[in-house]
Amino acid sequence: MVKNGVCEYCGQAVLDGAECSCDMAKEEQKTLSRISKANENVTALFVDDAAEYGFNIDERVIDLFMKINELLANRKLKKVTINCYGGVTAVLNVDAKNNIRVTRKINQASTLEVEDE
């Protein structure tokens, strides 16, 4: 990250709008990209498809998923499972290749009962 024209990792002067090419700055860019892509996956699975699959996840929960993605990308968490109302489960985790995986499970059950007469 560049602040006031100086890389916060290596101290090198950087021109306006440019990014430093030091290893730590590159790693930070990768982390930010991973977070962005994981957040796109959250939106695809829990917002864009919601009507099609008949569930509605509150915006605050979506924001929570996105904050969890940041913690996963920064290696503060490894796996989080959240059971939402409406039979939807979200699993956000880091796999063995250090990829952020966003999984949606929709639990649907139907029960019919015959009462004894």
N, C-alpha and C. Protein backbone atom coordinates (compact mmCIF):
# COMPACT_ATOMS: atom_id res chain seq x y z
N MET A 1 0.85 -1.18 0.00
CA MET A 1 0.00 0.00 0.00
C MET A 1 0.89 1.24 0.00
N VAL A 2 0.49 2.22 -0.78
CA VAL A 2 1.26 3.44 -0.89
C VAL A 2 0.53 4.54 -0.13
N LYS A 3 1.27 5.19 0.76
CA LYS A 3 0.73 6.32 1.51
C LYS A 3 1.68 7.50 1.34
N ASN A 4 1.14 8.61 0.88
CA ASN A 4 1.93 9.82 0.68
C ASN A 4 3.14 9.58 -0.22
N GLY A 5 2.96 8.74 -1.24
CA GLY A 5 4.03 8.49 -2.20
C GLY A 5 5.13 7.57 -1.72
N VAL A 6 4.91 6.89 -0.59
CA VAL A 6 5.93 5.99 -0.03
C VAL A 6 5.28 4.64 0.26
N CYS A 7 5.96 3.56 -0.14
CA CYS A 7 5.47 2.22 0.15
C CYS A 7 5.54 1.98 1.66
N GLU A 8 4.44 1.55 2.25
CA GLU A 8 4.43 1.33 3.70
C GLU A 8 5.22 0.10 4.12
N TYR A 9 5.60 -0.75 3.16
CA TYR A 9 6.32 -1.97 3.48
C TYR A 9 7.83 -1.80 3.37
N CYS A 10 8.29 -1.19 2.28
CA CYS A 10 9.74 -1.10 2.08
C CYS A 10 10.28 0.33 2.18
N GLY A 11 9.39 1.33 2.19
CA GLY A 11 9.83 2.72 2.31
C GLY A 11 10.26 3.35 1.01
N GLN A 12 10.16 2.63 -0.09
CA GLN A 12 10.56 3.14 -1.39
C GLN A 12 9.58 4.22 -1.85
N ALA A 13 10.10 5.28 -2.47
CA ALA A 13 9.25 6.33 -3.04
C ALA A 13 8.54 5.77 -4.27
N VAL A 14 7.26 6.09 -4.39
CA VAL A 14 6.45 5.57 -5.48
C VAL A 14 5.68 6.74 -6.10
N LEU A 15 5.62 6.78 -7.43
CA LEU A 15 4.90 7.84 -8.12
C LEU A 15 3.41 7.72 -7.86
N ASP A 16 2.72 8.85 -7.93
CA ASP A 16 1.27 8.87 -7.70
C ASP A 16 0.55 7.87 -8.60
N GLY A 17 -0.34 7.11 -8.00
CA GLY A 17 -1.16 6.14 -8.74
C GLY A 17 -0.47 4.82 -9.01
N ALA A 18 0.82 4.74 -8.75
CA ALA A 18 1.55 3.50 -9.00
C ALA A 18 1.58 2.65 -7.73
N GLU A 19 1.85 1.39 -7.91
CA GLU A 19 2.01 0.47 -6.78
C GLU A 19 3.47 0.07 -6.69
N CYS A 20 3.93 -0.15 -5.50
CA CYS A 20 5.29 -0.61 -5.29
C CYS A 20 5.41 -2.05 -5.77
N SER A 21 6.59 -2.43 -6.21
CA SER A 21 6.79 -3.79 -6.70
C SER A 21 7.55 -4.66 -5.71
N CYS A 22 7.68 -4.21 -4.45
CA CYS A 22 8.35 -5.05 -3.47
C CYS A 22 7.48 -6.27 -3.15
N ASP A 23 8.10 -7.31 -2.62
CA ASP A 23 7.39 -8.57 -2.36
C ASP A 23 6.20 -8.39 -1.43
N MET A 24 6.35 -7.59 -0.39
CA MET A 24 5.24 -7.42 0.56
C MET A 24 4.07 -6.67 -0.07
N ALA A 25 4.36 -5.68 -0.92
CA ALA A 25 3.29 -4.95 -1.60
C ALA A 25 2.56 -5.87 -2.58
N LYS A 26 3.32 -6.71 -3.28
CA LYS A 26 2.70 -7.67 -4.19
C LYS A 26 1.81 -8.65 -3.43
N GLU A 27 2.27 -9.11 -2.28
CA GLU A 27 1.47 -10.03 -1.47
C GLU A 27 0.18 -9.37 -0.99
N GLU A 28 0.28 -8.10 -0.61
CA GLU A 28 -0.92 -7.35 -0.19
C GLU A 28 -1.91 -7.23 -1.34
N GLN A 29 -1.42 -6.97 -2.55
CA GLN A 29 -2.30 -6.89 -3.72
C GLN A 29 -2.99 -8.22 -3.98
N LYS A 30 -2.27 -9.33 -3.83
CA LYS A 30 -2.87 -10.65 -3.99
C LYS A 30 -3.96 -10.88 -2.95
N THR A 31 -3.68 -10.49 -1.72
CA THR A 31 -4.67 -10.64 -0.64
C THR A 31 -5.92 -9.84 -0.93
N LEU A 32 -5.76 -8.59 -1.36
CA LEU A 32 -6.91 -7.75 -1.68
C LEU A 32 -7.71 -8.33 -2.85
N SER A 33 -7.01 -8.90 -3.82
CA SER A 33 -7.69 -9.52 -4.96
C SER A 33 -8.48 -10.75 -4.51
N ARG A 34 -7.89 -11.56 -3.64
CA ARG A 34 -8.58 -12.75 -3.13
C ARG A 34 -9.85 -12.35 -2.37
N ILE A 35 -9.76 -11.30 -1.56
CA ILE A 35 -10.92 -10.83 -0.81
C ILE A 35 -12.01 -10.37 -1.78
N SER A 36 -11.64 -9.62 -2.78
CA SER A 36 -12.60 -9.11 -3.76
C SER A 36 -13.31 -10.25 -4.49
N LYS A 37 -12.54 -11.24 -4.93
CA LYS A 37 -13.13 -12.38 -5.64
C LYS A 37 -14.02 -13.22 -4.73
N ALA A 38 -13.60 -13.41 -3.48
CA ALA A 38 -14.44 -14.16 -2.53
C ALA A 38 -15.74 -13.41 -2.27
N ASN A 39 -15.67 -12.08 -2.18
CA ASN A 39 -16.89 -11.28 -1.98
C ASN A 39 -17.81 -11.37 -3.18
N GLU A 40 -17.25 -11.43 -4.39
CA GLU A 40 -18.06 -11.63 -5.58
C GLU A 40 -18.78 -12.98 -5.51
N ASN A 41 -18.09 -13.99 -5.00
CA ASN A 41 -18.71 -15.31 -4.86
C ASN A 41 -19.83 -15.30 -3.83
N VAL A 42 -19.65 -14.56 -2.75
CA VAL A 42 -20.72 -14.41 -1.75
C VAL A 42 -21.94 -13.78 -2.42
N THR A 43 -21.72 -12.72 -3.17
CA THR A 43 -22.84 -12.04 -3.85
C THR A 43 -23.53 -12.98 -4.83
N ALA A 44 -22.76 -13.74 -5.58
CA ALA A 44 -23.34 -14.66 -6.57
C ALA A 44 -24.19 -15.73 -5.89
N LEU A 45 -23.69 -16.30 -4.80
CA LEU A 45 -24.39 -17.42 -4.15
C LEU A 45 -25.51 -17.00 -3.21
N PHE A 46 -25.36 -15.87 -2.53
CA PHE A 46 -26.31 -15.52 -1.47
C PHE A 46 -27.18 -14.31 -1.77
N VAL A 47 -26.89 -13.59 -2.86
CA VAL A 47 -27.72 -12.44 -3.22
C VAL A 47 -28.35 -12.67 -4.59
N ASP A 48 -27.52 -12.89 -5.61
CA ASP A 48 -28.03 -13.03 -6.98
C ASP A 48 -28.95 -14.23 -7.16
N ASP A 49 -28.63 -15.35 -6.51
CA ASP A 49 -29.42 -16.58 -6.65
C ASP A 49 -30.54 -16.71 -5.62
N ALA A 50 -30.66 -15.76 -4.71
CA ALA A 50 -31.60 -15.91 -3.59
C ALA A 50 -33.04 -16.12 -4.04
N ALA A 51 -33.53 -15.32 -4.94
CA ALA A 51 -34.93 -15.45 -5.38
C ALA A 51 -35.17 -16.78 -6.07
N GLU A 52 -34.20 -17.20 -6.88
CA GLU A 52 -34.35 -18.46 -7.61
C GLU A 52 -34.50 -19.65 -6.67
N TYR A 53 -33.79 -19.62 -5.55
CA TYR A 53 -33.82 -20.73 -4.61
C TYR A 53 -34.73 -20.47 -3.40
N GLY A 54 -35.40 -19.34 -3.39
CA GLY A 54 -36.43 -19.07 -2.39
C GLY A 54 -35.92 -18.73 -0.99
N PHE A 55 -34.82 -18.03 -0.90
CA PHE A 55 -34.36 -17.58 0.41
C PHE A 55 -33.96 -16.11 0.33
N ASN A 56 -33.88 -15.47 1.47
CA ASN A 56 -33.51 -14.07 1.54
C ASN A 56 -32.57 -13.89 2.73
N ILE A 57 -31.33 -13.58 2.45
CA ILE A 57 -30.33 -13.38 3.50
C ILE A 57 -30.23 -11.89 3.77
N ASP A 58 -30.36 -11.51 5.02
CA ASP A 58 -30.28 -10.11 5.43
C ASP A 58 -28.96 -9.49 5.00
N GLU A 59 -29.00 -8.23 4.61
CA GLU A 59 -27.81 -7.50 4.16
C GLU A 59 -26.71 -7.49 5.22
N ARG A 60 -27.09 -7.44 6.48
CA ARG A 60 -26.07 -7.45 7.56
C ARG A 60 -25.34 -8.78 7.61
N VAL A 61 -26.02 -9.86 7.26
CA VAL A 61 -25.37 -11.18 7.23
C VAL A 61 -24.41 -11.24 6.05
N ILE A 62 -24.81 -10.69 4.90
CA ILE A 62 -23.93 -10.63 3.73
C ILE A 62 -22.67 -9.83 4.09
N ASP A 63 -22.84 -8.72 4.78
CA ASP A 63 -21.68 -7.93 5.23
C ASP A 63 -20.78 -8.75 6.14
N LEU A 64 -21.38 -9.55 7.00
CA LEU A 64 -20.61 -10.43 7.89
C LEU A 64 -19.79 -11.43 7.08
N PHE A 65 -20.41 -12.03 6.07
CA PHE A 65 -19.69 -12.97 5.20
C PHE A 65 -18.47 -12.29 4.59
N MET A 66 -18.63 -11.06 4.17
CA MET A 66 -17.54 -10.34 3.52
C MET A 66 -16.42 -10.00 4.52
N LYS A 67 -16.79 -9.71 5.74
CA LYS A 67 -15.78 -9.48 6.78
C LYS A 67 -15.04 -10.78 7.10
N ILE A 68 -15.76 -11.87 7.07
CA ILE A 68 -15.13 -13.18 7.29
C ILE A 68 -14.13 -13.48 6.17
N ASN A 69 -14.48 -13.13 4.93
CA ASN A 69 -13.55 -13.33 3.82
C ASN A 69 -12.24 -12.60 4.06
N GLU A 70 -12.32 -11.40 4.59
CA GLU A 70 -11.11 -10.63 4.90
C GLU A 70 -10.27 -11.34 5.96
N LEU A 71 -10.93 -11.87 6.98
CA LEU A 71 -10.21 -12.61 8.03
C LEU A 71 -9.60 -13.90 7.49
N LEU A 72 -10.30 -14.56 6.59
CA LEU A 72 -9.76 -15.77 5.97
C LEU A 72 -8.52 -15.44 5.13
N ALA A 73 -8.63 -14.39 4.33
CA ALA A 73 -7.52 -14.01 3.44
C ALA A 73 -6.29 -13.59 4.23
N ASN A 74 -6.50 -13.02 5.40
CA ASN A 74 -5.39 -12.57 6.24
C ASN A 74 -4.96 -13.61 7.27
N ARG A 75 -5.45 -14.85 7.08
CA ARG A 75 -5.07 -15.99 7.91
C ARG A 75 -5.34 -15.78 9.40
N LYS A 76 -6.50 -15.21 9.67
CA LYS A 76 -6.97 -15.05 11.05
C LYS A 76 -7.99 -16.13 11.40
N LEU A 77 -8.66 -16.65 10.37
CA LEU A 77 -9.63 -17.74 10.51
C LEU A 77 -9.34 -18.78 9.44
N LYS A 78 -9.74 -20.02 9.72
CA LYS A 78 -9.56 -21.10 8.74
C LYS A 78 -10.91 -21.53 8.15
N LYS A 79 -11.96 -21.59 9.00
CA LYS A 79 -13.26 -22.05 8.52
C LYS A 79 -14.36 -21.50 9.41
N VAL A 80 -15.45 -21.07 8.77
CA VAL A 80 -16.62 -20.57 9.49
C VAL A 80 -17.85 -21.18 8.84
N THR A 81 -18.74 -21.73 9.66
CA THR A 81 -20.01 -22.26 9.18
C THR A 81 -21.12 -21.46 9.86
N ILE A 82 -22.05 -20.95 9.06
CA ILE A 82 -23.15 -20.16 9.59
C ILE A 82 -24.46 -20.74 9.08
N ASN A 83 -25.35 -21.08 10.01
CA ASN A 83 -26.68 -21.56 9.67
C ASN A 83 -27.64 -20.37 9.70
N CYS A 84 -28.24 -20.09 8.56
CA CYS A 84 -29.16 -18.97 8.43
C CYS A 84 -30.60 -19.47 8.47
N TYR A 85 -31.50 -18.58 8.80
CA TYR A 85 -32.91 -18.92 8.72
C TYR A 85 -33.27 -19.19 7.27
N GLY A 86 -34.23 -20.05 7.06
CA GLY A 86 -34.65 -20.40 5.71
C GLY A 86 -33.95 -21.63 5.18
N GLY A 87 -33.22 -22.33 6.05
CA GLY A 87 -32.58 -23.57 5.64
C GLY A 87 -31.33 -23.39 4.80
N VAL A 88 -30.67 -22.25 4.94
CA VAL A 88 -29.46 -21.98 4.17
C VAL A 88 -28.26 -22.02 5.11
N THR A 89 -27.22 -22.74 4.69
CA THR A 89 -25.97 -22.80 5.45
C THR A 89 -24.86 -22.25 4.58
N ALA A 90 -24.04 -21.40 5.17
CA ALA A 90 -22.86 -20.87 4.48
C ALA A 90 -21.62 -21.44 5.13
N VAL A 91 -20.71 -21.92 4.30
CA VAL A 91 -19.42 -22.39 4.78
C VAL A 91 -18.36 -21.58 4.04
N LEU A 92 -17.57 -20.83 4.80
CA LEU A 92 -16.49 -20.04 4.25
C LEU A 92 -15.20 -20.57 4.84
N ASN A 93 -14.28 -20.98 3.98
CA ASN A 93 -13.06 -21.58 4.50
C ASN A 93 -11.89 -21.39 3.55
N VAL A 94 -10.70 -21.68 4.07
CA VAL A 94 -9.48 -21.67 3.28
C VAL A 94 -9.11 -23.13 3.05
N ASP A 95 -8.90 -23.51 1.78
CA ASP A 95 -8.56 -24.90 1.50
C ASP A 95 -7.05 -25.13 1.57
N ALA A 96 -6.63 -26.33 1.25
CA ALA A 96 -5.21 -26.71 1.37
C ALA A 96 -4.31 -25.88 0.45
N LYS A 97 -4.84 -25.35 -0.63
CA LYS A 97 -4.05 -24.52 -1.56
C LYS A 97 -4.13 -23.04 -1.21
N ASN A 98 -4.70 -22.74 -0.04
CA ASN A 98 -4.87 -21.38 0.46
C ASN A 98 -5.86 -20.56 -0.38
N ASN A 99 -6.80 -21.25 -1.03
CA ASN A 99 -7.88 -20.60 -1.76
C ASN A 99 -9.05 -20.38 -0.82
N ILE A 100 -9.74 -19.27 -0.98
CA ILE A 100 -10.95 -19.02 -0.19
C ILE A 100 -12.10 -19.70 -0.91
N ARG A 101 -12.79 -20.57 -0.19
CA ARG A 101 -13.91 -21.32 -0.75
C ARG A 101 -15.19 -20.84 -0.07
N VAL A 102 -16.18 -20.48 -0.88
CA VAL A 102 -17.49 -20.05 -0.39
C VAL A 102 -18.50 -21.09 -0.85
N THR A 103 -19.19 -21.72 0.12
CA THR A 103 -20.14 -22.78 -0.19
C THR A 103 -21.51 -22.43 0.37
N ARG A 104 -22.53 -22.67 -0.44
CA ARG A 104 -23.92 -22.49 -0.01
C ARG A 104 -24.57 -23.86 0.00
N LYS A 105 -25.22 -24.17 1.11
CA LYS A 105 -25.99 -25.41 1.21
C LYS A 105 -27.43 -25.01 1.51
N ILE A 106 -28.34 -25.60 0.76
CA ILE A 106 -29.75 -25.33 0.99
C ILE A 106 -30.36 -26.62 1.50
N ASN A 107 -30.82 -26.56 2.73
CA ASN A 107 -31.41 -27.73 3.38
C ASN A 107 -32.92 -27.69 3.21
N GLN A 108 -33.42 -28.61 2.44
CA GLN A 108 -34.86 -28.67 2.25
C GLN A 108 -35.33 -30.05 2.65
N ALA A 109 -36.32 -30.07 3.47
CA ALA A 109 -36.90 -31.34 3.89
C ALA A 109 -38.41 -31.24 3.80
N SER A 110 -39.03 -32.31 3.45
CA SER A 110 -40.48 -32.38 3.41
C SER A 110 -40.91 -33.57 4.26
N THR A 111 -41.92 -33.33 5.11
CA THR A 111 -42.40 -34.39 5.97
C THR A 111 -43.91 -34.46 5.90
N LEU A 112 -44.43 -35.65 5.73
CA LEU A 112 -45.87 -35.87 5.80
C LEU A 112 -46.09 -36.91 6.88
N GLU A 113 -47.11 -36.67 7.66
CA GLU A 113 -47.36 -37.57 8.78
C GLU A 113 -48.80 -38.07 8.73
N VAL A 114 -48.96 -39.33 9.01
CA VAL A 114 -50.29 -39.91 9.09
C VAL A 114 -50.56 -40.18 10.56
N GLU A 115 -51.62 -39.55 11.06
CA GLU A 115 -51.97 -39.74 12.46
C GLU A 115 -52.77 -41.02 12.63
N ASP A 116 -52.56 -41.66 13.74
CA ASP A 116 -53.31 -42.88 14.06
C ASP A 116 -54.76 -42.48 14.35
N GLU A 117 -55.69 -43.19 13.74
CA GLU A 117 -57.12 -42.85 13.91
C GLU A 117 -57.73 -43.49 15.12
